[in-house]
Amino acid sequence: MENHAPTRIYPSGTPPKASAGSDSRRANRFQKKLGETVADLKHAYPEEHVELWTQDEARLGLKPILRRQWSPRGTRPIATARPAYEWLWLYAAVHPASGRVYWLVLPYLNAQLMQRFLDEFARTHATSGKRIVMVMDGATAHRANSLRVPARLTLVQLPPYTPELNPTERLWTMVREGVANRDFATLDELEQSICTRCQKISAVPQQVTALTNYHWLPT
């Protein structure tokens, strides 16, 4: 599923707070490497269009996500919850410059399904006349020896413990808001709600761009 985030108030292009394990020198090295990768592809393929995408996954399940909510004075809001421990994974890739998002709901996060995500993404986006640089973290599924990177796709790995450098991370709060304080009996019900939420997010690409198009990303 490809879909293109209701309006929320965030400083444009401001990444999440850095993790304790990250530092500015490591971030600077990564930013330099990413810029060089994009520049090298443009030099090597001057007649082709080079796009920068970033990628991530989030686990969602039947264990309810609880959030605070407004209620009339003197009343207590109630959220029905029947905790269960079944999960699915939402894979996403975002093109910060345009706000386009590619979504795929899969049952697990492993090398086999990561391969499927890359293959399906490449089939629709890494087409003739286009080269794509995709930023992703160092999850085991992303580094598996069995992984075969599709043609026209170049992967760039984030330094460890630097989620603040991955713009896709900023999508998950919006996704989870769509299923918060709700009780789902089955994973099928949850998946349908997630897909509906992803469609709403993708319907406002300018908001996705405002959240994810960090000022230091190469163009």
N, C-alpha and C. Protein backbone atom coordinates (compact mmCIF):
# COMPACT_ATOMS: atom_id res chain seq x y z
N MET A 1 0.84 -1.19 0.00
CA MET A 1 0.00 0.00 0.00
C MET A 1 0.87 1.23 0.00
N GLU A 2 0.63 2.10 -0.93
CA GLU A 2 1.31 3.39 -0.91
C GLU A 2 0.27 4.45 -0.66
N ASN A 3 0.53 5.30 0.26
CA ASN A 3 -0.38 6.38 0.55
C ASN A 3 0.41 7.62 0.91
N HIS A 4 -0.21 8.65 0.68
CA HIS A 4 0.48 9.90 0.99
C HIS A 4 -0.34 10.48 2.09
N ALA A 5 -1.37 12.96 6.74
CA ALA A 5 -0.89 13.26 8.02
C ALA A 5 -1.60 14.48 8.43
N PRO A 6 -2.58 14.32 9.21
CA PRO A 6 -3.33 15.46 9.65
C PRO A 6 -2.45 16.52 10.27
N THR A 7 -2.90 17.74 10.25
CA THR A 7 -2.09 18.85 10.72
C THR A 7 -1.83 18.76 12.21
N ARG A 8 -0.57 18.86 12.57
CA ARG A 8 -0.16 18.93 13.97
C ARG A 8 0.86 20.04 14.11
N ILE A 9 1.06 20.49 15.34
CA ILE A 9 1.97 21.60 15.55
C ILE A 9 3.34 21.06 15.94
N TYR A 10 4.29 21.17 15.03
CA TYR A 10 5.68 20.81 15.26
C TYR A 10 6.53 21.88 14.62
N PRO A 11 7.68 22.23 15.20
CA PRO A 11 8.61 23.10 14.50
C PRO A 11 9.07 22.43 13.23
N SER A 12 8.95 23.13 12.10
CA SER A 12 9.28 22.53 10.81
C SER A 12 10.72 22.08 10.77
N GLY A 13 10.91 20.81 10.38
CA GLY A 13 12.26 20.29 10.18
C GLY A 13 13.04 20.05 11.44
N THR A 14 12.37 20.06 12.62
CA THR A 14 13.07 19.85 13.87
C THR A 14 13.06 18.38 14.24
N PRO A 15 14.21 17.72 14.31
CA PRO A 15 14.24 16.29 14.61
C PRO A 15 14.00 16.02 16.08
N PRO A 16 13.66 14.77 16.45
CA PRO A 16 13.53 14.42 17.86
C PRO A 16 14.85 14.63 18.60
N LYS A 17 14.73 14.69 19.91
CA LYS A 17 15.92 14.88 20.74
C LYS A 17 16.89 13.73 20.56
N ALA A 18 18.17 14.06 20.54
CA ALA A 18 19.20 13.04 20.32
C ALA A 18 19.21 12.02 21.44
N SER A 19 19.50 10.76 21.11
CA SER A 19 19.64 9.72 22.10
C SER A 19 20.95 9.91 22.87
N ALA A 20 21.02 9.28 24.05
CA ALA A 20 22.19 9.47 24.90
C ALA A 20 23.46 8.98 24.22
N GLY A 21 23.33 7.94 23.37
CA GLY A 21 24.51 7.36 22.76
C GLY A 21 25.02 8.09 21.54
N SER A 22 24.30 9.13 21.09
CA SER A 22 24.72 9.82 19.88
C SER A 22 25.55 11.05 20.23
N ASP A 23 26.30 11.57 19.25
CA ASP A 23 27.06 12.78 19.45
C ASP A 23 27.13 13.52 18.13
N SER A 24 27.48 14.79 18.22
CA SER A 24 27.43 15.64 17.04
C SER A 24 28.45 15.22 15.99
N ARG A 25 29.61 14.72 16.41
CA ARG A 25 30.61 14.30 15.43
C ARG A 25 30.14 13.12 14.61
N ARG A 26 29.50 12.18 15.27
CA ARG A 26 28.98 11.01 14.56
C ARG A 26 27.88 11.44 13.59
N ALA A 27 27.02 12.34 14.04
CA ALA A 27 25.96 12.85 13.17
C ALA A 27 26.55 13.58 11.97
N ASN A 28 27.57 14.37 12.21
CA ASN A 28 28.20 15.11 11.11
C ASN A 28 28.84 14.18 10.10
N ARG A 29 29.46 13.10 10.58
CA ARG A 29 30.06 12.14 9.67
C ARG A 29 29.00 11.47 8.80
N PHE A 30 27.88 11.13 9.44
CA PHE A 30 26.81 10.50 8.67
C PHE A 30 26.25 11.47 7.63
N GLN A 31 26.00 12.70 8.03
CA GLN A 31 25.46 13.68 7.09
C GLN A 31 26.40 13.89 5.91
N LYS A 32 27.70 13.91 6.18
CA LYS A 32 28.68 14.06 5.11
C LYS A 32 28.63 12.85 4.18
N LYS A 33 28.60 11.65 4.76
CA LYS A 33 28.54 10.42 3.96
C LYS A 33 27.30 10.39 3.09
N LEU A 34 26.16 10.78 3.65
CA LEU A 34 24.92 10.77 2.90
C LEU A 34 24.98 11.75 1.74
N GLY A 35 25.50 12.94 2.00
CA GLY A 35 25.64 13.92 0.93
C GLY A 35 26.55 13.44 -0.18
N GLU A 36 27.64 12.78 0.21
CA GLU A 36 28.58 12.26 -0.80
C GLU A 36 27.94 11.14 -1.62
N THR A 37 27.14 10.29 -0.97
CA THR A 37 26.49 9.20 -1.69
C THR A 37 25.53 9.74 -2.75
N VAL A 38 24.74 10.73 -2.37
CA VAL A 38 23.81 11.33 -3.32
C VAL A 38 24.57 12.01 -4.46
N ALA A 39 25.62 12.75 -4.10
CA ALA A 39 26.41 13.45 -5.12
C ALA A 39 27.08 12.47 -6.08
N ASP A 40 27.60 11.37 -5.54
CA ASP A 40 28.27 10.37 -6.39
C ASP A 40 27.30 9.75 -7.39
N LEU A 41 26.09 9.46 -6.95
CA LEU A 41 25.10 8.89 -7.86
C LEU A 41 24.71 9.89 -8.95
N LYS A 42 24.56 11.14 -8.57
CA LYS A 42 24.22 12.15 -9.57
C LYS A 42 25.34 12.29 -10.60
N HIS A 43 26.57 12.18 -10.14
CA HIS A 43 27.72 12.28 -11.05
C HIS A 43 27.80 11.05 -11.96
N ALA A 44 27.54 9.87 -11.38
CA ALA A 44 27.64 8.63 -12.15
C ALA A 44 26.50 8.46 -13.15
N TYR A 45 25.33 9.01 -12.80
CA TYR A 45 24.15 8.86 -13.66
C TYR A 45 23.53 10.24 -13.91
N PRO A 46 24.20 11.09 -14.67
CA PRO A 46 23.75 12.48 -14.84
C PRO A 46 22.40 12.62 -15.52
N GLU A 47 21.98 11.62 -16.26
CA GLU A 47 20.71 11.72 -16.97
C GLU A 47 19.56 11.09 -16.19
N GLU A 48 19.85 10.59 -15.00
CA GLU A 48 18.80 9.98 -14.18
C GLU A 48 18.49 10.84 -12.96
N HIS A 49 17.28 10.69 -12.47
CA HIS A 49 16.81 11.44 -11.31
C HIS A 49 17.17 10.68 -10.03
N VAL A 50 17.79 11.36 -9.07
CA VAL A 50 18.18 10.73 -7.80
C VAL A 50 17.27 11.25 -6.69
N GLU A 51 16.63 10.33 -5.97
CA GLU A 51 15.75 10.71 -4.86
C GLU A 51 16.30 10.14 -3.55
N LEU A 52 16.08 10.88 -2.46
CA LEU A 52 16.46 10.43 -1.13
C LEU A 52 15.21 10.04 -0.35
N TRP A 53 15.19 8.80 0.14
CA TRP A 53 14.11 8.30 0.97
C TRP A 53 14.70 7.82 2.30
N THR A 54 13.88 7.79 3.34
CA THR A 54 14.30 7.21 4.62
C THR A 54 13.27 6.16 5.03
N GLN A 55 13.73 5.16 5.80
CA GLN A 55 12.89 3.99 6.06
C GLN A 55 12.95 3.59 7.53
N ASP A 56 11.86 2.98 8.00
CA ASP A 56 11.82 2.49 9.38
C ASP A 56 10.63 1.53 9.52
N GLU A 57 10.55 0.85 10.68
CA GLU A 57 9.42 -0.02 10.98
C GLU A 57 8.94 0.26 12.40
N ALA A 58 7.67 -0.04 12.63
CA ALA A 58 7.10 0.08 13.97
C ALA A 58 6.25 -1.15 14.25
N ARG A 59 6.31 -1.63 15.50
CA ARG A 59 5.49 -2.77 15.90
C ARG A 59 4.22 -2.27 16.57
N LEU A 60 3.09 -2.77 16.14
CA LEU A 60 1.80 -2.45 16.75
C LEU A 60 1.06 -3.74 17.01
N GLY A 61 0.24 -3.76 18.07
CA GLY A 61 -0.41 -5.01 18.41
C GLY A 61 -1.70 -4.83 19.17
N LEU A 62 -2.20 -5.93 19.71
CA LEU A 62 -3.48 -5.92 20.43
C LEU A 62 -3.34 -5.41 21.85
N LYS A 63 -2.13 -5.22 22.33
CA LYS A 63 -1.94 -4.54 23.61
C LYS A 63 -2.29 -3.07 23.40
N PRO A 64 -3.30 -2.54 24.11
CA PRO A 64 -3.80 -1.20 23.80
C PRO A 64 -2.74 -0.11 24.03
N ILE A 65 -2.83 0.91 23.19
CA ILE A 65 -2.02 2.11 23.35
C ILE A 65 -2.89 3.13 24.07
N LEU A 66 -2.50 3.52 25.27
CA LEU A 66 -3.32 4.43 26.07
C LEU A 66 -2.76 5.84 25.99
N ARG A 67 -3.64 6.80 25.78
CA ARG A 67 -3.28 8.21 25.70
C ARG A 67 -4.24 9.02 26.56
N ARG A 68 -3.78 10.15 27.05
CA ARG A 68 -4.65 11.07 27.75
C ARG A 68 -5.66 11.67 26.77
N GLN A 69 -6.84 12.01 27.28
CA GLN A 69 -7.84 12.62 26.42
C GLN A 69 -8.70 13.58 27.22
N TRP A 70 -9.36 14.48 26.51
CA TRP A 70 -10.23 15.45 27.16
C TRP A 70 -11.53 14.78 27.58
N SER A 71 -12.13 15.29 28.67
CA SER A 71 -13.45 14.83 29.10
C SER A 71 -14.12 15.98 29.85
N PRO A 72 -15.45 15.96 29.94
CA PRO A 72 -16.14 17.02 30.69
C PRO A 72 -15.68 17.06 32.14
N ARG A 73 -15.67 18.25 32.72
CA ARG A 73 -15.27 18.41 34.11
C ARG A 73 -16.11 17.52 35.02
N GLY A 74 -15.43 16.83 35.91
CA GLY A 74 -16.14 15.98 36.87
C GLY A 74 -16.37 14.56 36.40
N THR A 75 -15.95 14.24 35.18
CA THR A 75 -16.09 12.87 34.68
C THR A 75 -14.72 12.30 34.35
N ARG A 76 -14.62 11.02 34.40
CA ARG A 76 -13.36 10.34 34.12
C ARG A 76 -13.48 9.60 32.78
N PRO A 77 -12.58 9.87 31.85
CA PRO A 77 -12.65 9.16 30.56
C PRO A 77 -12.32 7.68 30.76
N ILE A 78 -12.99 6.85 29.98
CA ILE A 78 -12.81 5.41 30.08
C ILE A 78 -12.36 4.86 28.72
N ALA A 79 -11.31 4.08 28.73
CA ALA A 79 -10.85 3.40 27.53
C ALA A 79 -10.91 1.90 27.78
N THR A 80 -11.71 1.20 27.00
CA THR A 80 -11.83 -0.25 27.15
C THR A 80 -10.55 -0.92 26.67
N ALA A 81 -10.04 -1.84 27.48
CA ALA A 81 -8.78 -2.50 27.13
C ALA A 81 -8.84 -3.97 27.50
N ARG A 82 -8.52 -4.81 26.52
CA ARG A 82 -8.39 -6.25 26.75
C ARG A 82 -7.02 -6.66 26.23
N PRO A 83 -6.00 -6.49 27.06
CA PRO A 83 -4.64 -6.72 26.58
C PRO A 83 -4.44 -8.11 25.99
N ALA A 84 -3.84 -8.14 24.83
CA ALA A 84 -3.44 -9.40 24.18
C ALA A 84 -2.08 -9.15 23.55
N TYR A 85 -1.34 -10.21 23.33
CA TYR A 85 0.04 -10.06 22.89
C TYR A 85 0.25 -10.70 21.52
N GLU A 86 -0.43 -10.10 20.56
CA GLU A 86 -0.24 -10.43 19.16
C GLU A 86 0.16 -9.14 18.44
N TRP A 87 1.04 -9.28 17.44
CA TRP A 87 1.64 -8.08 16.87
C TRP A 87 1.69 -8.15 15.35
N LEU A 88 1.80 -6.98 14.75
CA LEU A 88 2.14 -6.87 13.35
C LEU A 88 3.13 -5.71 13.21
N TRP A 89 3.72 -5.62 12.04
CA TRP A 89 4.74 -4.60 11.80
C TRP A 89 4.32 -3.69 10.65
N LEU A 90 4.48 -2.42 10.85
CA LEU A 90 4.23 -1.44 9.79
C LEU A 90 5.57 -0.94 9.27
N TYR A 91 5.86 -1.25 8.03
CA TYR A 91 7.07 -0.77 7.35
C TYR A 91 6.71 0.51 6.62
N ALA A 92 7.62 1.48 6.65
CA ALA A 92 7.34 2.74 5.95
C ALA A 92 8.63 3.31 5.37
N ALA A 93 8.49 3.94 4.22
CA ALA A 93 9.57 4.72 3.62
C ALA A 93 8.98 6.07 3.24
N VAL A 94 9.67 7.14 3.55
CA VAL A 94 9.18 8.48 3.27
C VAL A 94 10.16 9.23 2.39
N HIS A 95 9.60 10.00 1.46
CA HIS A 95 10.39 10.90 0.62
C HIS A 95 10.20 12.31 1.19
N PRO A 96 11.12 12.76 2.04
CA PRO A 96 10.91 14.01 2.76
C PRO A 96 10.64 15.22 1.86
N ALA A 97 11.26 15.27 0.71
CA ALA A 97 11.12 16.46 -0.15
C ALA A 97 9.70 16.63 -0.67
N SER A 98 8.97 15.53 -0.85
CA SER A 98 7.61 15.63 -1.41
C SER A 98 6.53 15.22 -0.43
N GLY A 99 6.89 14.51 0.65
CA GLY A 99 5.90 14.02 1.59
C GLY A 99 5.25 12.71 1.17
N ARG A 100 5.72 12.09 0.10
CA ARG A 100 5.19 10.79 -0.28
C ARG A 100 5.63 9.73 0.72
N VAL A 101 4.72 8.78 1.00
CA VAL A 101 5.03 7.70 1.94
C VAL A 101 4.62 6.37 1.32
N TYR A 102 5.51 5.39 1.43
CA TYR A 102 5.20 4.02 1.00
C TYR A 102 5.03 3.17 2.25
N TRP A 103 3.87 2.55 2.41
CA TRP A 103 3.54 1.76 3.59
C TRP A 103 3.38 0.30 3.21
N LEU A 104 3.74 -0.58 4.12
CA LEU A 104 3.48 -2.01 3.93
C LEU A 104 3.31 -2.66 5.29
N VAL A 105 2.17 -3.31 5.50
CA VAL A 105 1.90 -4.02 6.75
C VAL A 105 2.31 -5.48 6.57
N LEU A 106 3.17 -5.96 7.46
CA LEU A 106 3.68 -7.33 7.38
C LEU A 106 3.65 -7.96 8.78
N PRO A 107 3.63 -9.29 8.85
CA PRO A 107 3.46 -9.95 10.16
C PRO A 107 4.68 -9.92 11.06
N TYR A 108 5.88 -9.80 10.47
CA TYR A 108 7.10 -9.85 11.27
C TYR A 108 8.12 -8.85 10.73
N LEU A 109 9.18 -8.68 11.49
CA LEU A 109 10.36 -7.98 11.00
C LEU A 109 11.49 -9.01 10.94
N ASN A 110 11.83 -9.42 9.74
CA ASN A 110 12.95 -10.33 9.54
C ASN A 110 13.53 -10.09 8.15
N ALA A 111 14.60 -10.80 7.83
CA ALA A 111 15.29 -10.56 6.57
C ALA A 111 14.40 -10.89 5.37
N GLN A 112 13.63 -11.96 5.48
CA GLN A 112 12.77 -12.37 4.36
C GLN A 112 11.74 -11.30 4.03
N LEU A 113 11.10 -10.76 5.07
CA LEU A 113 10.07 -9.75 4.82
C LEU A 113 10.69 -8.39 4.50
N MET A 114 11.89 -8.13 5.00
CA MET A 114 12.58 -6.91 4.58
C MET A 114 12.90 -6.98 3.10
N GLN A 115 13.29 -8.16 2.64
CA GLN A 115 13.52 -8.35 1.21
C GLN A 115 12.25 -8.07 0.41
N ARG A 116 11.14 -8.55 0.91
CA ARG A 116 9.86 -8.30 0.22
C ARG A 116 9.56 -6.81 0.17
N PHE A 117 9.79 -6.12 1.29
CA PHE A 117 9.53 -4.67 1.31
C PHE A 117 10.40 -3.96 0.27
N LEU A 118 11.69 -4.26 0.24
CA LEU A 118 12.58 -3.61 -0.71
C LEU A 118 12.19 -3.92 -2.15
N ASP A 119 11.85 -5.17 -2.40
CA ASP A 119 11.48 -5.55 -3.77
C ASP A 119 10.22 -4.83 -4.23
N GLU A 120 9.21 -4.77 -3.36
CA GLU A 120 7.96 -4.12 -3.75
C GLU A 120 8.14 -2.60 -3.85
N PHE A 121 8.94 -2.03 -2.96
CA PHE A 121 9.22 -0.61 -3.07
C PHE A 121 9.94 -0.30 -4.37
N ALA A 122 10.97 -1.08 -4.68
CA ALA A 122 11.75 -0.84 -5.89
C ALA A 122 10.89 -1.00 -7.14
N ARG A 123 9.96 -1.93 -7.11
CA ARG A 123 9.12 -2.18 -8.28
C ARG A 123 8.30 -0.95 -8.64
N THR A 124 7.89 -0.18 -7.64
CA THR A 124 7.03 0.98 -7.90
C THR A 124 7.78 2.31 -7.91
N HIS A 125 8.97 2.37 -7.29
CA HIS A 125 9.65 3.66 -7.15
C HIS A 125 11.04 3.71 -7.77
N ALA A 126 11.78 2.63 -7.72
CA ALA A 126 13.12 2.62 -8.32
C ALA A 126 13.01 2.16 -9.76
N THR A 127 12.32 2.94 -10.55
CA THR A 127 12.01 2.58 -11.92
C THR A 127 13.04 3.15 -12.89
N SER A 128 12.87 2.83 -14.15
CA SER A 128 13.80 3.30 -15.17
C SER A 128 13.92 4.82 -15.14
N GLY A 129 15.17 5.30 -15.21
CA GLY A 129 15.42 6.74 -15.18
C GLY A 129 15.52 7.32 -13.79
N LYS A 130 15.51 6.45 -12.77
CA LYS A 130 15.53 6.95 -11.39
C LYS A 130 16.47 6.10 -10.54
N ARG A 131 17.21 6.76 -9.66
CA ARG A 131 18.04 6.10 -8.64
C ARG A 131 17.57 6.57 -7.28
N ILE A 132 17.53 5.64 -6.32
CA ILE A 132 17.04 6.00 -4.99
C ILE A 132 18.08 5.65 -3.94
N VAL A 133 18.34 6.62 -3.06
CA VAL A 133 19.15 6.41 -1.86
C VAL A 133 18.19 6.25 -0.71
N MET A 134 18.30 5.14 0.03
CA MET A 134 17.40 4.88 1.15
C MET A 134 18.19 4.79 2.44
N VAL A 135 17.83 5.62 3.41
CA VAL A 135 18.46 5.64 4.73
C VAL A 135 17.68 4.71 5.66
N MET A 136 18.38 3.85 6.39
CA MET A 136 17.74 2.97 7.35
C MET A 136 18.68 2.69 8.52
N ASP A 137 18.11 2.21 9.62
CA ASP A 137 18.94 1.94 10.79
C ASP A 137 19.63 0.59 10.65
N GLY A 138 20.35 0.20 11.69
CA GLY A 138 21.15 -1.02 11.63
C GLY A 138 20.48 -2.24 12.20
N ALA A 139 19.16 -2.33 12.10
CA ALA A 139 18.45 -3.51 12.58
C ALA A 139 19.00 -4.77 11.91
N THR A 140 18.92 -5.89 12.62
CA THR A 140 19.46 -7.14 12.11
C THR A 140 18.89 -7.49 10.74
N ALA A 141 17.60 -7.26 10.57
CA ALA A 141 16.96 -7.58 9.29
C ALA A 141 17.50 -6.73 8.15
N HIS A 142 18.04 -5.57 8.47
CA HIS A 142 18.59 -4.68 7.44
C HIS A 142 20.01 -5.07 7.05
N ARG A 143 20.66 -5.90 7.88
CA ARG A 143 22.07 -6.24 7.65
C ARG A 143 22.28 -7.72 7.32
N ALA A 144 21.19 -8.43 7.09
CA ALA A 144 21.29 -9.87 6.84
C ALA A 144 22.10 -10.17 5.58
N ASN A 145 22.93 -11.20 5.65
CA ASN A 145 23.74 -11.58 4.49
C ASN A 145 22.88 -12.02 3.31
N SER A 146 21.68 -12.50 3.61
CA SER A 146 20.80 -12.97 2.54
C SER A 146 20.11 -11.84 1.78
N LEU A 147 20.19 -10.62 2.31
CA LEU A 147 19.47 -9.50 1.71
C LEU A 147 20.11 -9.13 0.37
N ARG A 148 19.28 -9.01 -0.65
CA ARG A 148 19.73 -8.63 -1.98
C ARG A 148 19.11 -7.28 -2.33
N VAL A 149 19.95 -6.26 -2.41
CA VAL A 149 19.45 -4.91 -2.68
C VAL A 149 19.04 -4.79 -4.14
N PRO A 150 17.82 -4.40 -4.42
CA PRO A 150 17.37 -4.28 -5.81
C PRO A 150 18.21 -3.26 -6.60
N ALA A 151 18.24 -3.47 -7.89
CA ALA A 151 18.92 -2.52 -8.77
C ALA A 151 18.29 -1.14 -8.62
N ARG A 152 19.09 -0.10 -8.79
CA ARG A 152 18.66 1.29 -8.71
C ARG A 152 18.37 1.75 -7.28
N LEU A 153 18.69 0.90 -6.31
CA LEU A 153 18.48 1.25 -4.91
C LEU A 153 19.80 1.17 -4.16
N THR A 154 20.15 2.24 -3.44
CA THR A 154 21.38 2.29 -2.64
C THR A 154 21.00 2.51 -1.18
N LEU A 155 21.45 1.60 -0.31
CA LEU A 155 21.13 1.70 1.11
C LEU A 155 22.25 2.40 1.87
N VAL A 156 21.88 3.29 2.77
CA VAL A 156 22.83 3.98 3.63
C VAL A 156 22.41 3.74 5.07
N GLN A 157 23.29 3.16 5.87
CA GLN A 157 22.96 2.80 7.24
C GLN A 157 23.24 3.94 8.20
N LEU A 158 22.31 4.17 9.10
CA LEU A 158 22.47 5.16 10.16
C LEU A 158 23.49 4.69 11.19
N PRO A 159 24.16 5.61 11.87
CA PRO A 159 25.01 5.21 12.99
C PRO A 159 24.14 4.61 14.10
N PRO A 160 24.71 3.78 14.97
CA PRO A 160 23.92 3.20 16.07
C PRO A 160 23.34 4.27 17.00
N TYR A 161 22.14 4.00 17.49
CA TYR A 161 21.51 4.83 18.52
C TYR A 161 21.32 6.28 18.07
N THR A 162 20.90 6.47 16.83
CA THR A 162 20.66 7.84 16.34
C THR A 162 19.30 7.94 15.67
N PRO A 163 18.21 7.63 16.37
CA PRO A 163 16.89 7.75 15.75
C PRO A 163 16.56 9.18 15.33
N GLU A 164 17.21 10.15 15.97
CA GLU A 164 16.95 11.55 15.63
C GLU A 164 17.39 11.89 14.22
N LEU A 165 18.23 11.04 13.61
CA LEU A 165 18.68 11.28 12.24
C LEU A 165 17.78 10.62 11.21
N ASN A 166 16.77 9.91 11.65
CA ASN A 166 15.87 9.22 10.73
C ASN A 166 14.52 9.91 10.70
N PRO A 167 14.21 10.66 9.64
CA PRO A 167 12.94 11.37 9.59
C PRO A 167 11.71 10.48 9.68
N THR A 168 11.81 9.22 9.24
CA THR A 168 10.64 8.34 9.29
C THR A 168 10.16 8.11 10.70
N GLU A 169 11.04 8.21 11.68
CA GLU A 169 10.65 8.05 13.09
C GLU A 169 9.49 8.97 13.47
N ARG A 170 9.39 10.10 12.81
CA ARG A 170 8.38 11.09 13.20
C ARG A 170 6.98 10.72 12.75
N LEU A 171 6.88 9.68 11.94
CA LEU A 171 5.55 9.25 11.50
C LEU A 171 4.84 8.42 12.56
N TRP A 172 5.61 7.77 13.45
CA TRP A 172 4.98 6.76 14.32
C TRP A 172 4.04 7.36 15.34
N THR A 173 4.32 8.54 15.85
CA THR A 173 3.39 9.16 16.80
C THR A 173 2.04 9.39 16.13
N MET A 174 2.07 9.85 14.89
CA MET A 174 0.81 10.10 14.19
C MET A 174 0.07 8.80 13.91
N VAL A 175 0.81 7.75 13.56
CA VAL A 175 0.16 6.46 13.31
C VAL A 175 -0.50 5.94 14.59
N ARG A 176 0.24 5.98 15.69
CA ARG A 176 -0.29 5.43 16.95
C ARG A 176 -1.48 6.22 17.47
N GLU A 177 -1.55 7.52 17.19
CA GLU A 177 -2.70 8.30 17.62
C GLU A 177 -3.99 7.78 17.00
N GLY A 178 -3.88 7.20 15.82
CA GLY A 178 -5.07 6.68 15.15
C GLY A 178 -5.63 5.41 15.75
N VAL A 179 -4.84 4.73 16.57
CA VAL A 179 -5.31 3.48 17.19
C VAL A 179 -5.27 3.56 18.71
N ALA A 180 -4.94 4.70 19.27
CA ALA A 180 -4.85 4.85 20.73
C ALA A 180 -6.24 4.81 21.37
N ASN A 181 -6.28 4.28 22.59
CA ASN A 181 -7.51 4.21 23.40
C ASN A 181 -8.61 3.41 22.69
N ARG A 182 -8.21 2.45 21.88
CA ARG A 182 -9.18 1.62 21.18
C ARG A 182 -8.88 0.15 21.44
N ASP A 183 -9.93 -0.64 21.43
CA ASP A 183 -9.81 -2.07 21.73
C ASP A 183 -10.05 -2.85 20.44
N PHE A 184 -9.08 -3.65 20.04
CA PHE A 184 -9.19 -4.45 18.83
C PHE A 184 -9.23 -5.92 19.20
N ALA A 185 -10.20 -6.63 18.67
CA ALA A 185 -10.34 -8.05 18.99
C ALA A 185 -9.38 -8.91 18.20
N THR A 186 -9.04 -8.48 16.99
CA THR A 186 -8.18 -9.29 16.13
C THR A 186 -7.15 -8.41 15.44
N LEU A 187 -6.11 -9.05 14.93
CA LEU A 187 -5.11 -8.32 14.16
C LEU A 187 -5.69 -7.79 12.86
N ASP A 188 -6.68 -8.47 12.30
CA ASP A 188 -7.32 -7.97 11.08
C ASP A 188 -8.00 -6.63 11.33
N GLU A 189 -8.69 -6.51 12.48
CA GLU A 189 -9.32 -5.24 12.82
C GLU A 189 -8.27 -4.15 13.00
N LEU A 190 -7.18 -4.49 13.68
CA LEU A 190 -6.11 -3.52 13.90
C LEU A 190 -5.51 -3.10 12.57
N GLU A 191 -5.25 -4.06 11.70
CA GLU A 191 -4.64 -3.73 10.40
C GLU A 191 -5.52 -2.79 9.60
N GLN A 192 -6.83 -3.03 9.60
CA GLN A 192 -7.73 -2.15 8.86
C GLN A 192 -7.67 -0.73 9.40
N SER A 193 -7.61 -0.58 10.72
CA SER A 193 -7.54 0.74 11.32
C SER A 193 -6.21 1.42 11.00
N ILE A 194 -5.13 0.64 11.03
CA ILE A 194 -3.82 1.20 10.69
C ILE A 194 -3.80 1.67 9.24
N CYS A 195 -4.36 0.87 8.34
CA CYS A 195 -4.38 1.26 6.93
C CYS A 195 -5.17 2.55 6.72
N THR A 196 -6.29 2.66 7.42
CA THR A 196 -7.09 3.89 7.32
C THR A 196 -6.30 5.09 7.82
N ARG A 197 -5.58 4.89 8.92
CA ARG A 197 -4.77 5.97 9.46
C ARG A 197 -3.65 6.37 8.50
N CYS A 198 -3.00 5.38 7.90
CA CYS A 198 -1.93 5.68 6.95
C CYS A 198 -2.46 6.46 5.75
N GLN A 199 -3.64 6.12 5.29
CA GLN A 199 -4.24 6.85 4.19
C GLN A 199 -4.47 8.32 4.56
N LYS A 200 -4.92 8.56 5.79
CA LYS A 200 -5.15 9.94 6.23
C LYS A 200 -3.84 10.71 6.32
N ILE A 201 -2.81 10.05 6.82
CA ILE A 201 -1.50 10.69 6.91
C ILE A 201 -1.00 11.04 5.51
N SER A 202 -1.13 10.10 4.60
CA SER A 202 -0.61 10.31 3.26
C SER A 202 -1.42 11.33 2.47
N ALA A 203 -2.63 11.62 2.91
CA ALA A 203 -3.47 12.57 2.20
C ALA A 203 -3.00 14.01 2.35
N VAL A 204 -2.07 14.25 3.29
CA VAL A 204 -1.57 15.61 3.51
C VAL A 204 -0.04 15.58 3.41
N PRO A 205 0.50 15.42 2.20
CA PRO A 205 1.95 15.29 2.05
C PRO A 205 2.73 16.52 2.52
N GLN A 206 2.09 17.69 2.45
CA GLN A 206 2.81 18.89 2.91
C GLN A 206 3.09 18.83 4.40
N GLN A 207 2.22 18.17 5.17
CA GLN A 207 2.47 18.03 6.60
C GLN A 207 3.58 17.02 6.85
N VAL A 208 3.61 15.95 6.05
CA VAL A 208 4.69 14.98 6.16
C VAL A 208 6.03 15.64 5.85
N THR A 209 6.05 16.47 4.82
CA THR A 209 7.27 17.20 4.49
C THR A 209 7.70 18.11 5.63
N ALA A 210 6.75 18.80 6.24
CA ALA A 210 7.08 19.71 7.34
C ALA A 210 7.72 18.96 8.51
N LEU A 211 7.33 17.70 8.70
CA LEU A 211 7.86 16.90 9.80
C LEU A 211 9.19 16.25 9.47
N THR A 212 9.40 15.90 8.22
CA THR A 212 10.51 15.00 7.88
C THR A 212 11.62 15.63 7.04
N ASN A 213 11.39 16.76 6.42
CA ASN A 213 12.38 17.32 5.50
C ASN A 213 13.41 18.15 6.27
N TYR A 214 14.31 17.46 6.96
CA TYR A 214 15.32 18.13 7.77
C TYR A 214 16.21 19.01 6.90
N HIS A 215 16.65 20.11 7.47
CA HIS A 215 17.39 21.11 6.69
C HIS A 215 18.71 20.57 6.15
N TRP A 216 19.28 19.55 6.79
CA TRP A 216 20.60 19.07 6.37
C TRP A 216 20.52 17.94 5.34
N LEU A 217 19.33 17.49 5.00
CA LEU A 217 19.22 16.42 4.02
C LEU A 217 19.66 16.90 2.66
N PRO A 218 20.47 16.12 1.95
CA PRO A 218 20.91 16.55 0.61
C PRO A 218 19.76 16.54 -0.37
N THR A 219 19.83 17.42 -1.36
CA THR A 219 18.77 17.51 -2.37
C THR A 219 19.31 17.09 -3.73
